[in-house]
Amino acid sequence: MKFIYFTLFCLLPFGNIFAQYKSKLSTRSSVVFPSKPQELTKEGHVIYTSALDKESKVTGMATAIDVSQFGVDSSAIASNYDNTLFVDLILQTIVGQYDGMEIVSKKKVTIGRLLGYDLSFKNNNPPTKELPYRNVYARVLFAGSNVFALTVLDEAGANGGVYKDKFFSSLKVD
């Protein structure tokens, strides 16, 4: 019995190493961060953001957007899934926000019953305060009128690719 108490006592200072924070993106979805995320409300939806690594050089972001609030219904999303112009419009919108951002790859994915895309971008400009990230990995998934966007951003010298699969797979949609 003393051994169990001693083991538990020794683990107490390390409790945060194993911490996980589940954030509800919508009434039917959640994502897990390794540390408590910050919440930013933008255009009526919440964006959660948190460091994914100990050095805070890799950032994870997650949001759910109900496109019906913009007058788009689920059938419009579904009918455009295979439309390359639709995907290219999404990509160009992202790339157009930042000078020097380049599309590295785009791939259709099916995760359970969700359809979407895995995307990666590279920032060819030197890091700035506004855009300190070198690589951006994104997963955009469609479920009815909801669009789920998960993003992993890494600063120069960090490897966000190591964290993206675990973070992307933490999305649960009921």
C-alpha atoms as a PDB file:
ATOM      1  CA  MET A   1       0.000   0.000   0.000  1.00  0.00           C
ATOM      2  CA  LYS A   2       2.861   2.365   0.795  1.00  0.00           C
ATOM      3  CA  PHE A   3       4.247   1.718  -2.682  1.00  0.00           C
ATOM      4  CA  ILE A   4       0.978   2.880  -4.312  1.00  0.00           C
ATOM      5  CA  TYR A   5       0.904   6.081  -2.243  1.00  0.00           C
ATOM      6  CA  PHE A   6       4.565   6.739  -2.998  1.00  0.00           C
ATOM      7  CA  THR A   7       3.974   6.221  -6.736  1.00  0.00           C
ATOM      8  CA  LEU A   8       0.969   8.557  -6.734  1.00  0.00           C
ATOM      9  CA  PHE A   9       2.900  11.148  -4.748  1.00  0.00           C
ATOM     10  CA  CYS A  10       5.781  11.023  -7.247  1.00  0.00           C
ATOM     11  CA  LEU A  11       3.409  11.536 -10.170  1.00  0.00           C
ATOM     12  CA  LEU A  12       1.677  14.611  -8.726  1.00  0.00           C
ATOM     13  CA  PRO A  13       4.199  17.179 -10.011  1.00  0.00           C
ATOM     14  CA  PHE A  14       3.966  15.657 -13.492  1.00  0.00           C
ATOM     15  CA  GLY A  15       0.194  15.751 -13.773  1.00  0.00           C
ATOM     16  CA  ASN A  16       0.192  18.437 -16.460  1.00  0.00           C
ATOM     17  CA  ILE A  17       2.389  16.344 -18.741  1.00  0.00           C
ATOM     18  CA  PHE A  18      -0.541  13.993 -19.228  1.00  0.00           C
ATOM     19  CA  ALA A  19      -3.240  16.685 -19.255  1.00  0.00           C
ATOM     20  CA  GLN A  20      -5.657  16.885 -22.140  1.00  0.00           C
ATOM     21  CA  TYR A  21      -8.283  19.538 -22.711  1.00  0.00           C
ATOM     22  CA  LYS A  22     -11.358  18.687 -24.698  1.00  0.00           C
ATOM     23  CA  SER A  23     -12.915  21.686 -26.421  1.00  0.00           C
ATOM     24  CA  LYS A  24     -16.441  21.551 -27.825  1.00  0.00           C
ATOM     25  CA  LEU A  25     -16.454  22.929 -31.364  1.00  0.00           C
ATOM     26  CA  SER A  26     -20.212  22.465 -31.736  1.00  0.00           C
ATOM     27  CA  THR A  27     -22.983  20.609 -29.940  1.00  0.00           C
ATOM     28  CA  ARG A  28     -21.877  17.385 -31.659  1.00  0.00           C
ATOM     29  CA  SER A  29     -18.108  17.800 -32.006  1.00  0.00           C
ATOM     30  CA  SER A  30     -14.960  18.235 -29.954  1.00  0.00           C
ATOM     31  CA  VAL A  31     -11.179  18.312 -30.312  1.00  0.00           C
ATOM     32  CA  VAL A  32      -8.401  17.632 -27.798  1.00  0.00           C
ATOM     33  CA  PHE A  33      -5.507  19.960 -27.000  1.00  0.00           C
ATOM     34  CA  PRO A  34      -2.504  19.070 -24.812  1.00  0.00           C
ATOM     35  CA  SER A  35      -2.902  22.323 -22.847  1.00  0.00           C
ATOM     36  CA  LYS A  36      -5.830  24.600 -22.101  1.00  0.00           C
ATOM     37  CA  PRO A  37      -6.644  26.478 -25.317  1.00  0.00           C
ATOM     38  CA  GLN A  38      -7.396  30.152 -25.687  1.00  0.00           C
ATOM     39  CA  GLU A  39     -10.697  31.135 -27.264  1.00  0.00           C
ATOM     40  CA  LEU A  40     -10.983  33.776 -29.962  1.00  0.00           C
ATOM     41  CA  THR A  41     -14.367  34.737 -31.377  1.00  0.00           C
ATOM     42  CA  LYS A  42     -14.250  35.775 -35.002  1.00  0.00           C
ATOM     43  CA  GLU A  43     -17.212  36.358 -37.307  1.00  0.00           C
ATOM     44  CA  GLY A  44     -19.586  34.597 -34.936  1.00  0.00           C
ATOM     45  CA  HIS A  45     -17.633  31.409 -34.336  1.00  0.00           C
ATOM     46  CA  VAL A  46     -15.049  30.394 -31.765  1.00  0.00           C
ATOM     47  CA  ILE A  47     -11.491  29.526 -32.741  1.00  0.00           C
ATOM     48  CA  TYR A  48      -9.553  27.524 -30.172  1.00  0.00           C
ATOM     49  CA  THR A  49      -5.771  27.812 -30.165  1.00  0.00           C
ATOM     50  CA  SER A  50      -3.032  26.236 -28.057  1.00  0.00           C
ATOM     51  CA  ALA A  51       0.615  25.242 -28.207  1.00  0.00           C
ATOM     52  CA  LEU A  52       1.067  21.599 -29.158  1.00  0.00           C
ATOM     53  CA  ASP A  53       4.699  21.373 -28.051  1.00  0.00           C
ATOM     54  CA  LYS A  54       6.616  22.277 -24.901  1.00  0.00           C
ATOM     55  CA  GLU A  55       8.549  25.094 -26.590  1.00  0.00           C
ATOM     56  CA  SER A  56       5.368  26.771 -27.954  1.00  0.00           C
ATOM     57  CA  LYS A  57       6.753  26.710 -31.499  1.00  0.00           C
ATOM     58  CA  VAL A  58       3.939  24.533 -32.839  1.00  0.00           C
ATOM     59  CA  THR A  59       0.395  25.866 -32.568  1.00  0.00           C
ATOM     60  CA  GLY A  60      -2.869  23.999 -33.032  1.00  0.00           C
ATOM     61  CA  MET A  61      -6.088  25.741 -34.019  1.00  0.00           C
ATOM     62  CA  ALA A  62      -9.615  24.369 -34.375  1.00  0.00           C
ATOM     63  CA  THR A  63     -13.001  25.743 -35.290  1.00  0.00           C
ATOM     64  CA  ALA A  64     -16.400  24.680 -36.566  1.00  0.00           C
ATOM     65  CA  ILE A  65     -18.330  26.906 -38.920  1.00  0.00           C
ATOM     66  CA  ASP A  66     -22.046  26.474 -39.522  1.00  0.00           C
ATOM     67  CA  VAL A  67     -22.261  27.651 -43.129  1.00  0.00           C
ATOM     68  CA  SER A  68     -26.054  27.863 -42.929  1.00  0.00           C
ATOM     69  CA  GLN A  69     -25.546  31.198 -41.131  1.00  0.00           C
ATOM     70  CA  PHE A  70     -24.113  32.456 -44.446  1.00  0.00           C
ATOM     71  CA  GLY A  71     -27.059  31.169 -46.484  1.00  0.00           C
ATOM     72  CA  VAL A  72     -25.308  27.987 -47.654  1.00  0.00           C
ATOM     73  CA  ASP A  73     -26.962  24.638 -47.053  1.00  0.00           C
ATOM     74  CA  SER A  74     -25.504  21.161 -46.694  1.00  0.00           C
ATOM     75  CA  SER A  75     -26.522  20.122 -50.219  1.00  0.00           C
ATOM     76  CA  ALA A  76     -24.494  23.009 -51.666  1.00  0.00           C
ATOM     77  CA  ILE A  77     -21.446  21.874 -49.692  1.00  0.00           C
ATOM     78  CA  ALA A  78     -21.933  18.236 -50.727  1.00  0.00           C
ATOM     79  CA  SER A  79     -22.402  19.090 -54.410  1.00  0.00           C
ATOM     80  CA  ASN A  80     -19.198  21.148 -54.430  1.00  0.00           C
ATOM     81  CA  TYR A  81     -16.999  18.590 -52.686  1.00  0.00           C
ATOM     82  CA  ASP A  82     -15.777  17.170 -56.010  1.00  0.00           C
ATOM     83  CA  ASN A  83     -15.649  20.586 -57.677  1.00  0.00           C
ATOM     84  CA  THR A  84     -11.966  21.511 -58.004  1.00  0.00           C
ATOM     85  CA  LEU A  85     -12.890  25.188 -58.398  1.00  0.00           C
ATOM     86  CA  PHE A  86     -14.502  25.087 -54.932  1.00  0.00           C
ATOM     87  CA  VAL A  87     -11.356  23.662 -53.357  1.00  0.00           C
ATOM     88  CA  ASP A  88      -9.111  26.014 -55.312  1.00  0.00           C
ATOM     89  CA  LEU A  89     -11.204  28.951 -54.069  1.00  0.00           C
ATOM     90  CA  ILE A  90     -10.624  27.817 -50.462  1.00  0.00           C
ATOM     91  CA  LEU A  91      -6.904  27.413 -51.123  1.00  0.00           C
ATOM     92  CA  GLN A  92      -6.535  30.778 -52.843  1.00  0.00           C
ATOM     93  CA  THR A  93      -8.406  32.489 -50.013  1.00  0.00           C
ATOM     94  CA  ILE A  94      -5.901  31.086 -47.525  1.00  0.00           C
ATOM     95  CA  VAL A  95      -2.866  31.798 -49.694  1.00  0.00           C
ATOM     96  CA  GLY A  96      -4.114  35.283 -50.583  1.00  0.00           C
ATOM     97  CA  GLN A  97      -4.151  36.341 -46.936  1.00  0.00           C
ATOM     98  CA  TYR A  98      -0.366  36.099 -46.672  1.00  0.00           C
ATOM     99  CA  ASP A  99       2.235  37.229 -49.177  1.00  0.00           C
ATOM    100  CA  GLY A 100       4.783  34.478 -49.838  1.00  0.00           C
ATOM    101  CA  MET A 101       2.493  31.577 -48.857  1.00  0.00           C
ATOM    102  CA  GLU A 102       2.696  28.636 -51.273  1.00  0.00           C
ATOM    103  CA  ILE A 103       0.492  25.551 -51.603  1.00  0.00           C
ATOM    104  CA  VAL A 104       2.629  22.444 -51.076  1.00  0.00           C
ATOM    105  CA  SER A 105      -0.044  19.737 -51.271  1.00  0.00           C
ATOM    106  CA  LYS A 106      -3.764  19.063 -51.284  1.00  0.00           C
ATOM    107  CA  LYS A 107      -5.385  15.682 -50.917  1.00  0.00           C
ATOM    108  CA  LYS A 108      -8.973  14.476 -50.586  1.00  0.00           C
ATOM    109  CA  VAL A 109      -9.594  12.533 -47.394  1.00  0.00           C
ATOM    110  CA  THR A 110     -12.445  10.529 -45.922  1.00  0.00           C
ATOM    111  CA  ILE A 111     -12.431  10.351 -42.132  1.00  0.00           C
ATOM    112  CA  GLY A 112     -15.258   8.085 -40.995  1.00  0.00           C
ATOM    113  CA  ARG A 113     -18.310   9.592 -42.654  1.00  0.00           C
ATOM    114  CA  LEU A 114     -16.700  13.005 -43.127  1.00  0.00           C
ATOM    115  CA  LEU A 115     -15.307  14.154 -46.449  1.00  0.00           C
ATOM    116  CA  GLY A 116     -12.631  16.783 -46.694  1.00  0.00           C
ATOM    117  CA  TYR A 117      -9.122  17.799 -47.596  1.00  0.00           C
ATOM    118  CA  ASP A 118      -5.672  17.706 -46.084  1.00  0.00           C
ATOM    119  CA  LEU A 119      -3.705  20.760 -47.136  1.00  0.00           C
ATOM    120  CA  SER A 120      -0.199  21.994 -46.518  1.00  0.00           C
ATOM    121  CA  PHE A 121       1.359  25.372 -47.141  1.00  0.00           C
ATOM    122  CA  LYS A 122       4.825  26.830 -46.849  1.00  0.00           C
ATOM    123  CA  ASN A 123       5.706  30.422 -46.028  1.00  0.00           C
ATOM    124  CA  ASN A 124       8.610  31.436 -48.284  1.00  0.00           C
ATOM    125  CA  ASN A 125       9.130  34.794 -46.576  1.00  0.00           C
ATOM    126  CA  PRO A 126      11.249  35.360 -43.474  1.00  0.00           C
ATOM    127  CA  PRO A 127       9.146  35.020 -40.299  1.00  0.00           C
ATOM    128  CA  THR A 128       7.490  38.200 -39.041  1.00  0.00           C
ATOM    129  CA  LYS A 129       5.572  39.046 -35.887  1.00  0.00           C
ATOM    130  CA  GLU A 130       2.305  38.820 -37.853  1.00  0.00           C
ATOM    131  CA  LEU A 131       3.260  35.516 -39.504  1.00  0.00           C
ATOM    132  CA  PRO A 132       5.981  33.693 -37.550  1.00  0.00           C
ATOM    133  CA  TYR A 133       5.067  30.324 -39.054  1.00  0.00           C
ATOM    134  CA  ARG A 134       7.082  28.470 -41.676  1.00  0.00           C
ATOM    135  CA  ASN A 135       4.672  25.571 -42.389  1.00  0.00           C
ATOM    136  CA  VAL A 136       0.912  25.291 -42.140  1.00  0.00           C
ATOM    137  CA  TYR A 137      -0.949  21.960 -42.144  1.00  0.00           C
ATOM    138  CA  ALA A 138      -4.737  22.032 -42.392  1.00  0.00           C
ATOM    139  CA  ARG A 139      -7.562  19.518 -42.397  1.00  0.00           C
ATOM    140  CA  VAL A 140     -10.933  20.787 -43.576  1.00  0.00           C
ATOM    141  CA  LEU A 141     -13.865  18.397 -43.122  1.00  0.00           C
ATOM    142  CA  PHE A 142     -17.516  18.738 -44.140  1.00  0.00           C
ATOM    143  CA  ALA A 143     -20.468  17.351 -42.150  1.00  0.00           C
ATOM    144  CA  GLY A 144     -23.855  18.579 -43.265  1.00  0.00           C
ATOM    145  CA  SER A 145     -23.800  22.366 -42.935  1.00  0.00           C
ATOM    146  CA  ASN A 146     -20.742  22.265 -40.652  1.00  0.00           C
ATOM    147  CA  VAL A 147     -17.189  22.831 -41.812  1.00  0.00           C
ATOM    148  CA  PHE A 148     -14.500  21.740 -39.354  1.00  0.00           C
ATOM    149  CA  ALA A 149     -11.077  23.318 -39.762  1.00  0.00           C
ATOM    150  CA  LEU A 150      -8.055  22.038 -37.853  1.00  0.00           C
ATOM    151  CA  THR A 151      -4.704  23.705 -38.386  1.00  0.00           C
ATOM    152  CA  VAL A 152      -1.163  23.065 -37.186  1.00  0.00           C
ATOM    153  CA  LEU A 153       1.346  25.881 -37.646  1.00  0.00           C
ATOM    154  CA  ASP A 154       5.054  25.615 -36.962  1.00  0.00           C
ATOM    155  CA  GLU A 155       7.748  28.211 -36.542  1.00  0.00           C
ATOM    156  CA  ALA A 156      11.125  27.894 -38.252  1.00  0.00           C
ATOM    157  CA  GLY A 157      13.107  25.057 -36.709  1.00  0.00           C
ATOM    158  CA  ALA A 158      10.032  23.249 -35.362  1.00  0.00           C
ATOM    159  CA  ASN A 159       8.398  20.185 -36.896  1.00  0.00           C
ATOM    160  CA  GLY A 160       4.631  20.574 -36.829  1.00  0.00           C
ATOM    161  CA  GLY A 161       4.271  17.483 -38.978  1.00  0.00           C
ATOM    162  CA  VAL A 162       5.070  15.386 -35.912  1.00  0.00           C
ATOM    163  CA  TYR A 163       1.975  16.751 -34.129  1.00  0.00           C
ATOM    164  CA  LYS A 164      -0.568  17.045 -36.932  1.00  0.00           C
ATOM    165  CA  ASP A 165      -1.779  13.450 -37.148  1.00  0.00           C
ATOM    166  CA  LYS A 166      -2.450  13.176 -33.420  1.00  0.00           C
ATOM    167  CA  PHE A 167      -4.154  16.575 -33.319  1.00  0.00           C
ATOM    168  CA  PHE A 168      -6.215  15.954 -36.471  1.00  0.00           C
ATOM    169  CA  SER A 169      -7.327  12.535 -35.216  1.00  0.00           C
ATOM    170  CA  SER A 170      -8.527  14.054 -31.922  1.00  0.00           C
ATOM    171  CA  LEU A 171     -11.566  15.540 -33.708  1.00  0.00           C
ATOM    172  CA  LYS A 172     -14.704  13.641 -32.723  1.00  0.00           C
ATOM    173  CA  VAL A 173     -18.038  14.237 -34.429  1.00  0.00           C
ATOM    174  CA  ASP A 174     -21.149  12.442 -33.162  1.00  0.00           C
END
